[in-house]
Amino acid sequence: MDSTKKMKFFIKRVIDLFGSGIGLILLSPILIIVIILMKIFMPGPIFFKQKRVGKNQVEFNILKFRTMKVNKEAESKLDFSKDKDRLTKLGKLLRRSKVDELPQLLNVFLGDMSLVGPRPTIMKQVLEYTPHQLKRINVKPGMTGLAQINGNITLPWEQRIEYDIEYVRNFSLFLDFKILTKTLAIVSMGEEKFKKEKVMNNTD
């Protein structure tokens, strides 16, 4: 890696450190309210923890607010077939508002993740990657990324990976700024609005 790239990634880390730290402080009232609500309406662990793959295939524990009823067997076997039945009303609200992802600010602060980058996945999927797809883990995973602002879960998995590889190939601090700005707009205005705009643009 040349000195220019090293400097860019150093600045990116500084932004991550300050951004996640300030975010945790400013959002602490929301985090506390969610924790209280979960204690009342969702007995059990506050956080959902799962091994995810970081940069260069180094695993770490990702943090999220738990949105589903506890089912250790389903979680250990990565059985997603029961997710719909396990999702709680509070969990739906947390997911819709993206608040369930906020604990990942701690992952960013600790250096396991970045504010922007490919979303972290599980080792089982990484082991099935082609050499081309493995390029998506050449950088730290992020809370949001290029795929998340261009359709997110509505995209086929292969297309999401291509967006991630495009991000790795074209990384710049300005690109991170654009992704963060659009992410904030999507969270505040709702993904539906952006989906509708995309459909309208395609029919021009």
C-alpha atoms as a PDB file:
ATOM      1  CA  MET A   1       0.000   0.000   0.000  1.00  0.00           C
ATOM      2  CA  ASP A   2       1.438   3.385  -1.024  1.00  0.00           C
ATOM      3  CA  SER A   3       1.853   6.297   1.399  1.00  0.00           C
ATOM      4  CA  THR A   4      -1.160   8.192  -0.027  1.00  0.00           C
ATOM      5  CA  LYS A   5      -3.486   5.267   0.621  1.00  0.00           C
ATOM      6  CA  LYS A   6      -2.014   4.758   4.085  1.00  0.00           C
ATOM      7  CA  MET A   7      -2.740   8.392   4.906  1.00  0.00           C
ATOM      8  CA  LYS A   8      -6.324   8.079   3.609  1.00  0.00           C
ATOM      9  CA  PHE A   9      -6.961   5.028   5.777  1.00  0.00           C
ATOM     10  CA  PHE A  10      -5.346   6.749   8.771  1.00  0.00           C
ATOM     11  CA  ILE A  11      -7.701   9.722   8.327  1.00  0.00           C
ATOM     12  CA  LYS A  12     -10.614   7.296   7.879  1.00  0.00           C
ATOM     13  CA  ARG A  13      -9.728   5.670  11.224  1.00  0.00           C
ATOM     14  CA  VAL A  14      -9.545   9.061  12.944  1.00  0.00           C
ATOM     15  CA  ILE A  15     -12.988   9.926  11.526  1.00  0.00           C
ATOM     16  CA  ASP A  16     -14.323   6.538  12.687  1.00  0.00           C
ATOM     17  CA  LEU A  17     -12.916   7.051  16.178  1.00  0.00           C
ATOM     18  CA  PHE A  18     -14.338  10.526  16.638  1.00  0.00           C
ATOM     19  CA  GLY A  19     -17.580   9.793  14.752  1.00  0.00           C
ATOM     20  CA  SER A  20     -18.403   6.669  16.762  1.00  0.00           C
ATOM     21  CA  GLY A  21     -17.358   8.270  20.055  1.00  0.00           C
ATOM     22  CA  ILE A  22     -19.469  11.374  19.523  1.00  0.00           C
ATOM     23  CA  GLY A  23     -22.304   9.213  18.196  1.00  0.00           C
ATOM     24  CA  LEU A  24     -22.314   7.060  21.322  1.00  0.00           C
ATOM     25  CA  ILE A  25     -22.425  10.168  23.528  1.00  0.00           C
ATOM     26  CA  LEU A  26     -25.137  12.014  21.569  1.00  0.00           C
ATOM     27  CA  LEU A  27     -27.279   8.922  21.098  1.00  0.00           C
ATOM     28  CA  SER A  28     -26.893   7.644  24.664  1.00  0.00           C
ATOM     29  CA  PRO A  29     -30.430   8.830  25.683  1.00  0.00           C
ATOM     30  CA  ILE A  30     -31.911   6.726  22.848  1.00  0.00           C
ATOM     31  CA  LEU A  31     -29.725   3.755  23.769  1.00  0.00           C
ATOM     32  CA  ILE A  32     -30.821   3.982  27.418  1.00  0.00           C
ATOM     33  CA  ILE A  33     -34.513   4.228  26.453  1.00  0.00           C
ATOM     34  CA  VAL A  34     -34.195   1.166  24.192  1.00  0.00           C
ATOM     35  CA  ILE A  35     -32.478  -0.814  26.938  1.00  0.00           C
ATOM     36  CA  ILE A  36     -35.280   0.060  29.397  1.00  0.00           C
ATOM     37  CA  LEU A  37     -37.984  -0.890  26.862  1.00  0.00           C
ATOM     38  CA  MET A  38     -36.244  -4.181  26.147  1.00  0.00           C
ATOM     39  CA  LYS A  39     -36.018  -4.990  29.858  1.00  0.00           C
ATOM     40  CA  ILE A  40     -39.786  -4.429  30.125  1.00  0.00           C
ATOM     41  CA  PHE A  41     -41.055  -6.013  26.908  1.00  0.00           C
ATOM     42  CA  MET A  42     -38.301  -8.432  25.830  1.00  0.00           C
ATOM     43  CA  PRO A  43     -36.875 -10.395  28.764  1.00  0.00           C
ATOM     44  CA  GLY A  44     -33.485 -11.856  28.026  1.00  0.00           C
ATOM     45  CA  PRO A  45     -30.204 -10.545  26.621  1.00  0.00           C
ATOM     46  CA  ILE A  46     -30.177  -6.912  25.502  1.00  0.00           C
ATOM     47  CA  PHE A  47     -27.681  -7.471  22.727  1.00  0.00           C
ATOM     48  CA  PHE A  48     -27.480  -9.920  19.868  1.00  0.00           C
ATOM     49  CA  LYS A  49     -23.880 -11.055  19.397  1.00  0.00           C
ATOM     50  CA  GLN A  50     -22.602 -13.029  16.456  1.00  0.00           C
ATOM     51  CA  LYS A  51     -19.215 -13.876  14.985  1.00  0.00           C
ATOM     52  CA  ARG A  52     -18.670 -11.889  11.791  1.00  0.00           C
ATOM     53  CA  VAL A  53     -15.734 -11.677   9.430  1.00  0.00           C
ATOM     54  CA  GLY A  54     -13.682  -8.497   9.420  1.00  0.00           C
ATOM     55  CA  LYS A  55     -10.757  -7.282   7.361  1.00  0.00           C
ATOM     56  CA  ASN A  56      -8.462 -10.085   6.143  1.00  0.00           C
ATOM     57  CA  GLN A  57     -10.873 -12.740   7.534  1.00  0.00           C
ATOM     58  CA  VAL A  58     -10.295 -11.779  11.182  1.00  0.00           C
ATOM     59  CA  GLU A  59     -13.461 -12.599  13.145  1.00  0.00           C
ATOM     60  CA  PHE A  60     -15.080 -10.348  15.747  1.00  0.00           C
ATOM     61  CA  ASN A  61     -18.353 -10.192  17.680  1.00  0.00           C
ATOM     62  CA  ILE A  62     -20.833  -7.834  16.037  1.00  0.00           C
ATOM     63  CA  LEU A  63     -23.283  -6.077  18.369  1.00  0.00           C
ATOM     64  CA  LYS A  64     -26.938  -5.299  17.694  1.00  0.00           C
ATOM     65  CA  PHE A  65     -29.966  -4.726  19.851  1.00  0.00           C
ATOM     66  CA  ARG A  66     -31.828  -8.031  19.973  1.00  0.00           C
ATOM     67  CA  THR A  67     -34.993  -7.888  17.848  1.00  0.00           C
ATOM     68  CA  MET A  68     -36.152 -11.500  18.106  1.00  0.00           C
ATOM     69  CA  LYS A  69     -37.175 -13.954  20.784  1.00  0.00           C
ATOM     70  CA  VAL A  70     -34.279 -16.059  22.036  1.00  0.00           C
ATOM     71  CA  ASN A  71     -33.829 -19.378  20.237  1.00  0.00           C
ATOM     72  CA  LYS A  72     -30.315 -20.669  20.877  1.00  0.00           C
ATOM     73  CA  GLU A  73     -30.728 -23.685  18.590  1.00  0.00           C
ATOM     74  CA  ALA A  74     -31.832 -21.577  15.609  1.00  0.00           C
ATOM     75  CA  GLU A  75     -29.052 -19.052  16.253  1.00  0.00           C
ATOM     76  CA  SER A  76     -26.305 -21.667  16.565  1.00  0.00           C
ATOM     77  CA  LYS A  77     -27.434 -23.417  13.368  1.00  0.00           C
ATOM     78  CA  LEU A  78     -27.993 -20.113  11.502  1.00  0.00           C
ATOM     79  CA  ASP A  79     -31.567 -21.235  10.856  1.00  0.00           C
ATOM     80  CA  PHE A  80     -33.335 -18.205   9.367  1.00  0.00           C
ATOM     81  CA  SER A  81     -36.607 -20.030   8.628  1.00  0.00           C
ATOM     82  CA  LYS A  82     -38.071 -19.114  12.043  1.00  0.00           C
ATOM     83  CA  ASP A  83     -37.010 -15.455  12.015  1.00  0.00           C
ATOM     84  CA  LYS A  84     -40.440 -14.122  11.000  1.00  0.00           C
ATOM     85  CA  ASP A  85     -42.140 -15.835  13.944  1.00  0.00           C
ATOM     86  CA  ARG A  86     -39.401 -14.787  16.377  1.00  0.00           C
ATOM     87  CA  LEU A  87     -39.461 -11.090  15.461  1.00  0.00           C
ATOM     88  CA  THR A  88     -41.166  -9.024  18.184  1.00  0.00           C
ATOM     89  CA  LYS A  89     -43.229  -5.820  17.826  1.00  0.00           C
ATOM     90  CA  LEU A  90     -40.477  -3.790  19.491  1.00  0.00           C
ATOM     91  CA  GLY A  91     -37.963  -5.574  17.277  1.00  0.00           C
ATOM     92  CA  LYS A  92     -39.852  -4.516  14.136  1.00  0.00           C
ATOM     93  CA  LEU A  93     -39.766  -0.906  15.301  1.00  0.00           C
ATOM     94  CA  LEU A  94     -36.043  -1.089  16.047  1.00  0.00           C
ATOM     95  CA  ARG A  95     -35.319  -2.566  12.620  1.00  0.00           C
ATOM     96  CA  ARG A  96     -37.513  -0.125  10.732  1.00  0.00           C
ATOM     97  CA  SER A  97     -35.762   2.833  12.395  1.00  0.00           C
ATOM     98  CA  LYS A  98     -32.313   1.152  12.123  1.00  0.00           C
ATOM     99  CA  VAL A  99     -31.874   1.709  15.879  1.00  0.00           C
ATOM    100  CA  ASP A 100     -31.007  -1.975  16.289  1.00  0.00           C
ATOM    101  CA  GLU A 101     -27.725  -1.248  14.457  1.00  0.00           C
ATOM    102  CA  LEU A 102     -26.581   1.555  16.792  1.00  0.00           C
ATOM    103  CA  PRO A 103     -24.563  -0.694  19.160  1.00  0.00           C
ATOM    104  CA  GLN A 104     -22.206  -1.243  16.225  1.00  0.00           C
ATOM    105  CA  LEU A 105     -20.853   2.227  16.985  1.00  0.00           C
ATOM    106  CA  LEU A 106     -18.937   0.407  19.742  1.00  0.00           C
ATOM    107  CA  ASN A 107     -17.563  -2.023  17.126  1.00  0.00           C
ATOM    108  CA  VAL A 108     -16.391   1.008  15.136  1.00  0.00           C
ATOM    109  CA  PHE A 109     -14.865   2.679  18.216  1.00  0.00           C
ATOM    110  CA  LEU A 110     -12.942  -0.512  19.072  1.00  0.00           C
ATOM    111  CA  GLY A 111     -11.628  -0.764  15.496  1.00  0.00           C
ATOM    112  CA  ASP A 112     -13.385  -3.942  14.347  1.00  0.00           C
ATOM    113  CA  MET A 113     -15.572  -1.986  11.942  1.00  0.00           C
ATOM    114  CA  SER A 114     -15.719   1.344  10.143  1.00  0.00           C
ATOM    115  CA  LEU A 115     -18.606   3.772   9.704  1.00  0.00           C
ATOM    116  CA  VAL A 116     -18.493   2.976   5.965  1.00  0.00           C
ATOM    117  CA  GLY A 117     -17.578  -0.295   4.290  1.00  0.00           C
ATOM    118  CA  PRO A 118     -19.018  -3.616   3.121  1.00  0.00           C
ATOM    119  CA  ARG A 119     -21.466  -5.095   5.625  1.00  0.00           C
ATOM    120  CA  PRO A 120     -19.819  -7.863   7.684  1.00  0.00           C
ATOM    121  CA  THR A 121     -20.896 -11.392   6.891  1.00  0.00           C
ATOM    122  CA  ILE A 122     -20.415 -14.831   8.460  1.00  0.00           C
ATOM    123  CA  MET A 123     -17.461 -17.142   7.849  1.00  0.00           C
ATOM    124  CA  LYS A 124     -19.683 -19.766   6.200  1.00  0.00           C
ATOM    125  CA  GLN A 125     -20.409 -17.359   3.353  1.00  0.00           C
ATOM    126  CA  VAL A 126     -16.826 -16.109   3.103  1.00  0.00           C
ATOM    127  CA  LEU A 127     -15.577 -19.683   2.619  1.00  0.00           C
ATOM    128  CA  GLU A 128     -17.802 -19.898  -0.483  1.00  0.00           C
ATOM    129  CA  TYR A 129     -16.451 -16.669  -2.036  1.00  0.00           C
ATOM    130  CA  THR A 130     -14.601 -16.707  -5.331  1.00  0.00           C
ATOM    131  CA  PRO A 131     -11.172 -15.005  -5.409  1.00  0.00           C
ATOM    132  CA  HIS A 132     -12.923 -11.985  -6.956  1.00  0.00           C
ATOM    133  CA  GLN A 133     -15.539 -11.825  -4.175  1.00  0.00           C
ATOM    134  CA  LEU A 134     -12.838 -12.074  -1.483  1.00  0.00           C
ATOM    135  CA  LYS A 135     -11.796  -8.527  -2.433  1.00  0.00           C
ATOM    136  CA  ARG A 136     -14.749  -7.207  -0.390  1.00  0.00           C
ATOM    137  CA  ILE A 137     -12.914  -8.094   2.844  1.00  0.00           C
ATOM    138  CA  ASN A 138      -9.743  -6.188   1.949  1.00  0.00           C
ATOM    139  CA  VAL A 139     -11.102  -3.319   4.051  1.00  0.00           C
ATOM    140  CA  LYS A 140     -12.878  -3.117   7.390  1.00  0.00           C
ATOM    141  CA  PRO A 141     -16.611  -3.877   7.287  1.00  0.00           C
ATOM    142  CA  GLY A 142     -18.931  -0.928   7.808  1.00  0.00           C
ATOM    143  CA  MET A 143     -22.214   0.086   9.380  1.00  0.00           C
ATOM    144  CA  THR A 144     -23.317   1.296   5.956  1.00  0.00           C
ATOM    145  CA  GLY A 145     -21.949   0.969   2.465  1.00  0.00           C
ATOM    146  CA  LEU A 146     -22.449   1.422  -1.250  1.00  0.00           C
ATOM    147  CA  ALA A 147     -24.883  -1.500  -1.444  1.00  0.00           C
ATOM    148  CA  GLN A 148     -26.978  -0.160   1.444  1.00  0.00           C
ATOM    149  CA  ILE A 149     -27.660   3.153  -0.337  1.00  0.00           C
ATOM    150  CA  ASN A 150     -28.429   1.471  -3.670  1.00  0.00           C
ATOM    151  CA  GLY A 151     -31.208  -0.946  -2.759  1.00  0.00           C
ATOM    152  CA  ASN A 152     -29.839  -2.863   0.236  1.00  0.00           C
ATOM    153  CA  ILE A 153     -31.822  -6.069   0.877  1.00  0.00           C
ATOM    154  CA  THR A 154     -33.860  -5.634  -2.320  1.00  0.00           C
ATOM    155  CA  LEU A 155     -30.680  -6.400  -4.294  1.00  0.00           C
ATOM    156  CA  PRO A 156     -29.558  -9.953  -5.146  1.00  0.00           C
ATOM    157  CA  TRP A 157     -26.666 -11.038  -2.934  1.00  0.00           C
ATOM    158  CA  GLU A 158     -24.264 -11.162  -5.895  1.00  0.00           C
ATOM    159  CA  GLN A 159     -25.058  -7.558  -6.809  1.00  0.00           C
ATOM    160  CA  ARG A 160     -24.470  -6.417  -3.231  1.00  0.00           C
ATOM    161  CA  ILE A 161     -21.042  -8.048  -3.341  1.00  0.00           C
ATOM    162  CA  GLU A 162     -20.268  -6.229  -6.605  1.00  0.00           C
ATOM    163  CA  TYR A 163     -21.171  -2.909  -4.979  1.00  0.00           C
ATOM    164  CA  ASP A 164     -18.828  -3.781  -2.096  1.00  0.00           C
ATOM    165  CA  ILE A 165     -15.979  -4.585  -4.494  1.00  0.00           C
ATOM    166  CA  GLU A 166     -16.660  -1.329  -6.339  1.00  0.00           C
ATOM    167  CA  TYR A 167     -16.336   0.493  -2.994  1.00  0.00           C
ATOM    168  CA  VAL A 168     -13.003  -1.210  -2.215  1.00  0.00           C
ATOM    169  CA  ARG A 169     -11.702  -0.376  -5.694  1.00  0.00           C
ATOM    170  CA  ASN A 170     -12.813   3.274  -5.634  1.00  0.00           C
ATOM    171  CA  PHE A 171     -12.378   4.072  -1.936  1.00  0.00           C
ATOM    172  CA  SER A 172     -11.971   7.745  -1.109  1.00  0.00           C
ATOM    173  CA  LEU A 173     -12.868   9.943   1.842  1.00  0.00           C
ATOM    174  CA  PHE A 174     -15.262  11.864  -0.401  1.00  0.00           C
ATOM    175  CA  LEU A 175     -17.049   8.611  -1.333  1.00  0.00           C
ATOM    176  CA  ASP A 176     -17.402   7.822   2.392  1.00  0.00           C
ATOM    177  CA  PHE A 177     -18.901  11.279   2.927  1.00  0.00           C
ATOM    178  CA  LYS A 178     -21.443  10.742   0.122  1.00  0.00           C
ATOM    179  CA  ILE A 179     -22.433   7.316   1.486  1.00  0.00           C
ATOM    180  CA  LEU A 180     -22.851   8.645   5.031  1.00  0.00           C
ATOM    181  CA  THR A 181     -24.906  11.606   3.798  1.00  0.00           C
ATOM    182  CA  LYS A 182     -27.265   9.427   1.761  1.00  0.00           C
ATOM    183  CA  THR A 183     -27.532   6.919   4.622  1.00  0.00           C
ATOM    184  CA  LEU A 184     -28.689   9.662   6.984  1.00  0.00           C
ATOM    185  CA  ALA A 185     -31.245  10.787   4.382  1.00  0.00           C
ATOM    186  CA  ILE A 186     -32.548   7.224   3.957  1.00  0.00           C
ATOM    187  CA  VAL A 187     -32.831   6.686   7.721  1.00  0.00           C
ATOM    188  CA  SER A 188     -34.621   9.998   8.296  1.00  0.00           C
ATOM    189  CA  MET A 189     -36.908   9.887   5.242  1.00  0.00           C
ATOM    190  CA  GLY A 190     -37.375   6.135   4.841  1.00  0.00           C
ATOM    191  CA  GLU A 191     -36.075   3.665   2.265  1.00  0.00           C
ATOM    192  CA  GLU A 192     -39.480   3.571   0.567  1.00  0.00           C
ATOM    193  CA  LYS A 193     -39.118   7.140  -0.693  1.00  0.00           C
ATOM    194  CA  PHE A 194     -35.811   6.386  -2.351  1.00  0.00           C
ATOM    195  CA  LYS A 195     -37.169   3.173  -3.884  1.00  0.00           C
ATOM    196  CA  LYS A 196     -40.050   5.107  -5.420  1.00  0.00           C
ATOM    197  CA  GLU A 197     -37.693   7.742  -6.811  1.00  0.00           C
ATOM    198  CA  LYS A 198     -35.549   5.031  -8.340  1.00  0.00           C
ATOM    199  CA  VAL A 199     -38.560   3.410 -10.031  1.00  0.00           C
ATOM    200  CA  MET A 200     -39.722   6.805 -11.396  1.00  0.00           C
ATOM    201  CA  ASN A 201     -36.267   7.543 -12.782  1.00  0.00           C
ATOM    202  CA  ASN A 202     -36.173   4.174 -14.524  1.00  0.00           C
ATOM    203  CA  THR A 203     -39.398   4.916 -16.365  1.00  0.00           C
ATOM    204  CA  ASP A 204     -38.177   8.222 -17.858  1.00  0.00           C
END
